[in-house]
Every structure is written in C-alpha cells, then in structure tokens.
Amino acid sequence: MMISQHDRISGGFWGALVGDALGVPVEFTARDERKRDPVVGMRAFGTHHQPAGTWSDDSSLLLCTMESLCAGFDPVDIGSRFIRWLDEGYWTPYGEVFDCGIATQQAIARLRRGVDPESAGGAGERDNGNGSLMRILPVACYFADAPTATLLDAAHRVSAVTHRHPRSQMACGMACLVAQALMQGQCIEGAYRSAITEAATVYTALPFAAERTHFVRVLDGQLADVPESDISGDGYVVHTLEASLWCLLTTSSFEEAVLKAVNLGDDADTTGCVTGGLAGLAYGVDAIPLPWRECLARAGDIAASLQRFTEACASPVTVDRQSK
C-alpha cells in the first residue's frame, strides 16, 4: 500500500511522541524488570509520577524544533524556543519541565548568555548524550527533498545547538539519512542500506572521518544480526542510534518496534522516541494505534502544529530554507 508523504510525516511525529510517552513511566528501569513486567500500552505514574500519555523533554524539544521550522530554518529561533521551554514551560505537557538532560541544560545556559546557537552545545568527549538525536526528526522531514549535503548540514547545525561534538552531529546525520530514504518510500532494510552507502561517501573527511570507528556496528550493515544482549538502551548517542535502528530492523510493525524499544529499559523514553519516529515514517500514521495517539497530552495542540508543519514541508526547497 502506498503511503503519502503527509501520512509519513504525521506518522513520524505521532510515532515519536507515542514512543516517548510509552517510555516515560519506565525511564531508568532495568531491562530485567521490563522482561518481568513489559510495557504493552500507555501507563500512568511510574518514574516521573505523570499521567498516562505524558511526553518528556524529548518531545518538547522536538516540538520546539518543528514549530520553529514552520517559519523557516533558523538556529537562533530554535535556540530561543529551547530557552522558553526550560524557563517558561513552552511546549511542555502541563506547563512545567519535569526532566532535562545535563548537556542540554548547560547549552541552554550558554544560549541565555548570548552564545551563538551553533556554538552553544558541548563539544567534549563526554558531551555525546542522545539529547540532539531525540529531536532531529523535524529536520529530516523538512529537508527530505533537499540534496543530501543540505540535509546533513542542517542536521549538524541543529545538533550543535545542544550537542556540538562531531559524533553527536554524525549520529543525527545518520538518522536523517535513514529518515530521508523512508520518506522516499524505501523499505526499512533498503533505507538502512541507502544510509550506509551515503555515509560512506559523505563522512570521509575530518572531523567525521575520525568518528567512523564509533559507528562500526551501524555502518557494517549487520546490525540486525546483533543479539539483544549486545544492544544498549542507555543515553549514549551511538547506543541510542544502534538500538533504534535495531528495533526497526528486527520487527515488522510500528507497535512491535516501539514496544521493543521501550522494553530495552534504561533511557526508555528516548529509545522509544527515536524508534517511534522512524517507525512512524516507515509505516505511516494509520499504523499507530489510535488509542495511543488520543491518550497523548495536548493531542489537539500537537495536531494543529503538525498541520502547519506538513504545509511548510510541502513548499519548494530554496536557499532561504537553509538559513534565514
């Protein structure tokens, strides 16, 4: 069955938010606990004591990015929305922030001091958490029809707002390459193969060439053969990319993929968010259980913002779209 670009974009965003909300109640729990008590649907309370359907900082920053892109590509505007999120509760489920990664918090503090957004993110070895990967989906959708170089430049620049290390930028770029191929209608395996081929061409120069050794399991094309015991659900950006792609490659439906991701444990909301976004692009919005979508906090506001975004994505790609 053919899936329209509109339905893929809608699937990606609803999928990311659903994956996040499924994982919020069990964030930081061990995989053994998830095997004894697996997540099979929306839960209430748990780790953060929130109602069922509550999404985390992952979705908040994703929605901030999406809302910003409705008016064009502008890292300054993206950074200002991140400040509003942390300081004012902008694009939060219930008006306040209940979780924020350390690297993201430090980057936003730099943004407040007037640091250029593309220099605000930490660039040290220890600044490679998954905080930019979890929110990169809007960039992939917005630039899906653009040349690969344009897509990756935007992905790297948006990552740098909170995570400036080349490894984090490359992880975002890899996710965007997979997403772009899915948006073009390729099957999951084909999209993964296409992303590997593109990466072999575009990530050959420094600083990214030096980071390729960290992505061996993604780039060797054998990720689906890795046993679950060797897949980590922690917050390291490379592990999150691996886990999300692995869940996508080893399942055959949206529901199966996102539940597999959440039940890896540990940083369950982020693995669920990244997996859900890619799975939503692959299977389309109709593959996401309607009760899960309807359970999400602020579902009406999300739908309205998503409509504006899909309209923005439908406009022709121009130079102005790369930088305001």
Protein backbone atom coordinates (compact mmCIF):
# COMPACT_ATOMS: atom_id res chain seq x y z
CA MET A 1 0.00 0.00 0.00
CA MET A 2 1.31 3.44 -0.95
CA ILE A 3 1.78 5.85 1.95
CA SER A 4 1.60 9.56 1.17
CA GLN A 5 4.33 11.93 2.31
CA HIS A 6 1.76 13.66 4.53
CA ASP A 7 0.94 10.37 6.26
CA ARG A 8 4.62 9.53 6.67
CA ILE A 9 5.37 12.89 8.30
CA SER A 10 2.31 12.58 10.53
CA GLY A 11 3.34 9.04 11.39
CA GLY A 12 6.84 10.15 12.26
CA PHE A 13 5.71 12.82 14.70
CA TRP A 14 2.87 10.91 16.32
CA GLY A 15 5.17 7.90 16.44
CA ALA A 16 7.95 9.80 18.19
CA LEU A 17 5.59 11.26 20.80
CA VAL A 18 3.88 7.92 21.39
CA GLY A 19 7.24 6.18 21.81
CA ASP A 20 8.36 8.85 24.26
CA ALA A 21 5.12 8.66 26.29
CA LEU A 22 5.26 4.86 26.42
CA GLY A 23 8.75 5.10 27.86
CA VAL A 24 8.32 7.94 30.37
CA PRO A 25 6.82 5.81 33.18
CA VAL A 26 9.64 3.25 32.95
CA GLU A 27 12.63 5.51 32.26
CA PHE A 28 15.76 4.40 34.14
CA THR A 29 14.36 0.93 34.93
CA ALA A 30 16.41 -2.17 34.23
CA ARG A 31 15.84 -4.49 31.28
CA ASP A 32 15.30 -7.43 33.61
CA GLU A 33 12.43 -5.53 35.20
CA ARG A 34 10.92 -4.87 31.79
CA LYS A 35 11.12 -8.57 30.95
CA ARG A 36 9.20 -9.38 34.13
CA ASP A 37 6.71 -6.57 33.56
CA PRO A 38 6.84 -5.47 29.90
CA VAL A 39 5.23 -2.28 28.66
CA VAL A 40 2.30 -3.19 26.40
CA GLY A 41 0.45 0.15 26.36
CA MET A 42 0.20 3.57 27.95
CA ARG A 43 0.88 3.63 31.70
CA ALA A 44 0.39 6.25 34.38
CA PHE A 45 2.82 7.49 37.03
CA GLY A 46 5.98 5.39 37.38
CA THR A 47 9.39 7.07 37.25
CA HIS A 48 8.21 10.67 36.92
CA HIS A 49 4.76 10.33 38.56
CA GLN A 50 2.96 11.62 35.47
CA PRO A 51 -0.45 10.73 33.98
CA ALA A 52 -0.64 8.28 31.08
CA GLY A 53 0.19 9.90 27.75
CA THR A 54 2.74 12.33 29.20
CA TRP A 55 5.70 13.04 26.96
CA SER A 56 9.11 14.21 28.14
CA ASP A 57 11.78 16.74 27.21
CA ASP A 58 12.44 14.62 24.11
CA SER A 59 9.11 15.52 22.56
CA SER A 60 9.12 19.06 23.95
CA LEU A 61 12.36 19.91 22.15
CA LEU A 62 11.22 18.04 19.04
CA LEU A 63 8.03 20.13 19.02
CA CYS A 64 10.01 23.33 19.59
CA THR A 65 12.13 22.45 16.56
CA MET A 66 9.09 21.57 14.47
CA GLU A 67 7.32 24.81 15.38
CA SER A 68 10.41 26.84 14.53
CA LEU A 69 10.82 25.20 11.12
CA CYS A 70 7.29 26.22 10.19
CA ALA A 71 8.74 29.71 9.67
CA GLY A 72 11.99 28.56 8.04
CA PHE A 73 15.38 27.25 9.10
CA ASP A 74 16.88 29.46 11.80
CA PRO A 75 19.07 28.03 14.60
CA VAL A 76 18.71 31.30 16.51
CA ASP A 77 14.95 30.86 16.66
CA ILE A 78 15.34 27.18 17.60
CA GLY A 79 17.63 28.17 20.46
CA SER A 80 15.21 30.85 21.69
CA ARG A 81 12.42 28.28 21.81
CA PHE A 82 14.59 25.93 23.84
CA ILE A 83 15.11 28.74 26.37
CA ARG A 84 11.36 29.34 26.53
CA TRP A 85 10.79 25.63 27.08
CA LEU A 86 13.11 25.42 30.07
CA ASP A 87 12.26 28.84 31.57
CA GLU A 88 8.55 29.15 30.78
CA GLY A 89 7.27 25.64 30.16
CA TYR A 90 6.72 26.29 26.44
CA TRP A 91 5.71 23.08 24.64
CA THR A 92 5.51 21.03 27.82
CA PRO A 93 2.59 18.67 28.53
CA TYR A 94 1.31 20.53 31.59
CA GLY A 95 3.16 23.83 31.80
CA GLU A 96 6.33 22.76 33.58
CA VAL A 97 9.53 20.86 32.84
CA PHE A 98 9.97 17.66 34.83
CA ASP A 99 13.16 16.37 33.19
CA CYS A 100 16.13 17.87 31.36
CA GLY A 101 19.45 16.34 30.32
CA ILE A 102 22.58 17.89 31.79
CA ALA A 103 24.21 18.68 28.43
CA THR A 104 21.02 20.32 27.19
CA GLN A 105 20.66 22.34 30.39
CA GLN A 106 24.25 23.57 30.10
CA ALA A 107 23.77 24.50 26.44
CA ILE A 108 20.61 26.47 27.23
CA ALA A 109 22.51 28.33 29.94
CA ARG A 110 25.03 29.35 27.28
CA LEU A 111 22.21 30.43 24.98
CA ARG A 112 20.84 32.66 27.74
CA ARG A 113 24.27 34.32 27.98
CA GLY A 114 24.13 35.15 24.27
CA VAL A 115 26.39 32.42 22.90
CA ASP A 116 25.76 31.78 19.21
CA PRO A 117 23.34 28.82 18.97
CA GLU A 118 25.62 26.83 16.70
CA SER A 119 28.40 27.13 19.30
CA ALA A 120 26.25 26.56 22.39
CA GLY A 121 26.38 22.78 22.56
CA GLY A 122 29.15 21.00 24.43
CA ALA A 123 31.92 19.62 22.21
CA GLY A 124 33.78 17.34 24.62
CA GLU A 125 34.02 13.58 24.55
CA ARG A 126 31.57 13.37 27.43
CA ASP A 127 29.05 15.59 25.63
CA ASN A 128 27.75 12.76 23.46
CA GLY A 129 24.44 12.03 25.09
CA ASN A 130 21.38 11.48 22.92
CA GLY A 131 19.82 14.91 23.52
CA SER A 132 20.11 16.14 19.92
CA LEU A 133 19.30 12.80 18.27
CA MET A 134 15.97 12.66 20.09
CA ARG A 135 14.79 15.92 18.46
CA ILE A 136 16.32 15.72 14.95
CA LEU A 137 13.27 14.25 13.17
CA PRO A 138 11.77 17.62 12.12
CA VAL A 139 14.99 18.46 10.27
CA ALA A 140 14.86 15.15 8.41
CA CYS A 141 11.27 15.75 7.34
CA TYR A 142 11.75 19.42 6.44
CA PHE A 143 14.75 18.70 4.22
CA ALA A 144 13.59 15.30 2.92
CA ASP A 145 13.50 16.52 -0.69
CA ALA A 146 16.70 18.57 -0.45
CA PRO A 147 20.15 17.43 -1.61
CA THR A 148 21.91 15.19 0.88
CA ALA A 149 24.54 17.84 1.61
CA THR A 150 21.83 20.34 2.55
CA LEU A 151 20.06 17.84 4.79
CA LEU A 152 23.24 16.90 6.63
CA ASP A 153 24.41 20.48 7.02
CA ALA A 154 21.10 21.33 8.67
CA ALA A 155 21.22 18.23 10.88
CA HIS A 156 24.74 19.02 12.08
CA ARG A 157 23.90 22.66 12.78
CA VAL A 158 20.73 21.85 14.70
CA SER A 159 22.54 19.18 16.72
CA ALA A 160 25.21 21.74 17.64
CA VAL A 161 22.68 23.90 19.49
CA THR A 162 22.93 21.44 22.39
CA HIS A 163 25.41 18.75 21.24
CA ARG A 164 28.30 20.05 19.15
CA HIS A 165 30.70 17.08 19.19
CA PRO A 166 31.14 15.58 15.69
CA ARG A 167 29.95 12.21 16.97
CA SER A 168 26.59 13.61 18.01
CA GLN A 169 26.32 15.53 14.76
CA MET A 170 27.12 12.38 12.78
CA ALA A 171 24.55 10.32 14.69
CA CYS A 172 21.93 12.93 13.83
CA GLY A 173 23.07 12.88 10.23
CA MET A 174 22.83 9.08 10.04
CA ALA A 175 19.30 9.15 11.47
CA CYS A 176 18.34 11.80 8.93
CA LEU A 177 19.73 9.72 6.06
CA VAL A 178 17.58 6.77 7.13
CA ALA A 179 14.57 9.06 7.57
CA GLN A 180 15.10 10.64 4.15
CA ALA A 181 15.16 7.23 2.49
CA LEU A 182 12.00 6.19 4.33
CA MET A 183 10.31 9.41 3.22
CA GLN A 184 11.21 8.49 -0.35
CA GLY A 185 9.28 5.24 0.05
CA GLN A 186 12.13 2.81 0.54
CA CYS A 187 11.53 -0.22 2.74
CA ILE A 188 13.21 -0.31 6.14
CA GLU A 189 16.08 -2.55 5.04
CA GLY A 190 16.53 -0.52 1.88
CA ALA A 191 16.55 2.76 3.80
CA TYR A 192 19.18 1.41 6.16
CA ARG A 193 21.36 0.25 3.24
CA SER A 194 20.94 3.58 1.46
CA ALA A 195 22.01 5.47 4.58
CA ILE A 196 25.13 3.32 4.90
CA THR A 197 26.03 3.94 1.26
CA GLU A 198 25.53 7.70 1.62
CA ALA A 199 27.53 7.80 4.84
CA ALA A 200 30.45 6.06 3.14
CA THR A 201 30.51 8.94 0.67
CA VAL A 202 29.82 11.98 2.85
CA TYR A 203 31.62 11.13 6.10
CA THR A 204 35.11 10.74 4.65
CA ALA A 205 36.72 13.98 5.79
CA LEU A 206 37.63 15.27 9.23
CA PRO A 207 36.19 15.72 11.76
CA PHE A 208 33.70 13.00 10.85
CA ALA A 209 36.17 10.50 9.40
CA ALA A 210 37.73 10.16 12.84
CA GLU A 211 34.34 9.25 14.29
CA ARG A 212 33.58 6.37 11.92
CA THR A 213 35.13 3.79 14.27
CA HIS A 214 32.37 4.56 16.79
CA PHE A 215 29.70 3.69 14.22
CA VAL A 216 31.12 0.37 13.02
CA ARG A 217 28.06 -1.67 14.04
CA VAL A 218 25.76 0.72 12.22
CA LEU A 219 27.93 1.05 9.12
CA ASP A 220 28.85 -2.60 8.59
CA GLY A 221 25.29 -3.47 7.56
CA GLN A 222 24.97 -6.33 10.06
CA LEU A 223 23.17 -4.51 12.86
CA ALA A 224 20.05 -6.70 12.64
CA ASP A 225 22.18 -9.74 13.47
CA VAL A 226 23.41 -8.32 16.79
CA PRO A 227 21.81 -10.13 19.76
CA GLU A 228 19.63 -8.14 22.13
CA SER A 229 22.13 -8.70 24.92
CA ASP A 230 24.63 -6.57 22.97
CA ILE A 231 22.17 -3.72 22.35
CA SER A 232 22.25 -0.98 24.98
CA GLY A 233 19.33 1.25 25.94
CA ASP A 234 21.44 3.85 27.73
CA GLY A 235 21.77 7.54 26.92
CA TYR A 236 24.96 7.45 24.82
CA VAL A 237 24.11 8.80 21.38
CA VAL A 238 25.70 5.94 19.43
CA HIS A 239 23.92 3.36 21.55
CA THR A 240 20.58 5.10 21.04
CA LEU A 241 21.10 5.18 17.27
CA GLU A 242 22.07 1.50 17.27
CA ALA A 243 19.15 0.47 19.47
CA SER A 244 16.60 2.42 17.45
CA LEU A 245 17.76 1.06 14.12
CA TRP A 246 18.00 -2.45 15.57
CA CYS A 247 14.41 -2.29 16.84
CA LEU A 248 13.27 -1.04 13.43
CA LEU A 249 15.19 -3.72 11.52
CA THR A 250 14.14 -6.67 13.69
CA THR A 251 10.38 -6.04 13.80
CA SER A 252 7.56 -5.88 11.27
CA SER A 253 5.10 -3.29 12.63
CA PHE A 254 5.06 0.08 14.35
CA GLU A 255 3.67 -1.35 17.57
CA GLU A 256 6.22 -4.16 17.71
CA ALA A 257 9.13 -1.81 17.03
CA VAL A 258 8.24 0.83 19.61
CA LEU A 259 7.41 -1.66 22.37
CA LYS A 260 10.66 -3.49 21.71
CA ALA A 261 12.49 -0.18 22.08
CA VAL A 262 10.82 0.81 25.34
CA ASN A 263 11.33 -2.62 26.85
CA LEU A 264 15.08 -2.39 26.36
CA GLY A 265 14.91 -0.38 29.59
CA ASP A 266 17.18 2.39 30.88
CA ASP A 267 16.66 5.52 28.71
CA ALA A 268 13.36 4.03 27.55
CA ASP A 269 11.63 7.25 26.58
CA THR A 270 14.40 8.37 24.23
CA THR A 271 14.90 4.98 22.60
CA GLY A 272 11.12 4.85 22.20
CA CYS A 273 11.02 8.37 20.77
CA VAL A 274 13.74 7.83 18.15
CA THR A 275 12.43 4.39 17.20
CA GLY A 276 8.85 5.63 17.10
CA GLY A 277 9.76 8.50 14.80
CA LEU A 278 11.49 6.26 12.27
CA ALA A 279 8.84 3.54 12.53
CA GLY A 280 6.12 6.15 12.01
CA LEU A 281 7.83 7.28 8.81
CA ALA A 282 8.10 3.68 7.66
CA TYR A 283 4.55 2.51 8.42
CA GLY A 284 2.56 5.76 8.27
CA VAL A 285 0.21 7.36 10.76
CA ASP A 286 -2.56 4.78 10.37
CA ALA A 287 -0.25 2.08 11.75
CA ILE A 288 -0.06 3.85 15.13
CA PRO A 289 -2.83 2.64 17.48
CA LEU A 290 -5.43 5.42 17.71
CA PRO A 291 -5.91 4.97 21.50
CA TRP A 292 -2.22 5.70 21.98
CA ARG A 293 -2.42 8.89 19.92
CA GLU A 294 -5.60 10.05 21.65
CA CYS A 295 -4.05 9.43 25.06
CA LEU A 296 -1.23 11.91 24.47
CA ALA A 297 -1.25 15.15 26.44
CA ARG A 298 -2.22 18.17 24.31
CA ALA A 299 -3.15 15.98 21.37
CA GLY A 300 -5.19 18.81 19.82
CA ASP A 301 -2.30 21.28 20.02
CA ILE A 302 0.04 18.68 18.52
CA ALA A 303 -2.33 18.06 15.62
CA ALA A 304 -2.62 21.78 14.87
CA SER A 305 1.13 22.32 14.94
CA LEU A 306 1.72 19.24 12.82
CA GLN A 307 -0.70 20.54 10.21
CA ARG A 308 1.30 23.77 9.95
CA PHE A 309 4.50 21.80 9.68
CA THR A 310 3.30 19.45 6.93
CA GLU A 311 2.24 22.52 4.94
CA ALA A 312 5.70 24.03 5.43
CA CYS A 313 7.33 20.78 4.29
CA ALA A 314 5.25 20.83 1.10
CA SER A 315 6.76 24.14 -0.05
CA PRO A 316 9.63 24.05 -2.58
CA VAL A 317 13.17 23.87 -1.23
CA THR A 318 15.00 27.19 -1.68
CA VAL A 319 18.24 28.72 -0.46
CA ASP A 320 16.22 30.73 2.04
CA ARG A 321 15.06 27.46 3.54
CA GLN A 322 18.62 26.61 4.51
CA SER A 323 19.25 29.78 6.51
CA LYS A 324 17.16 32.80 7.39
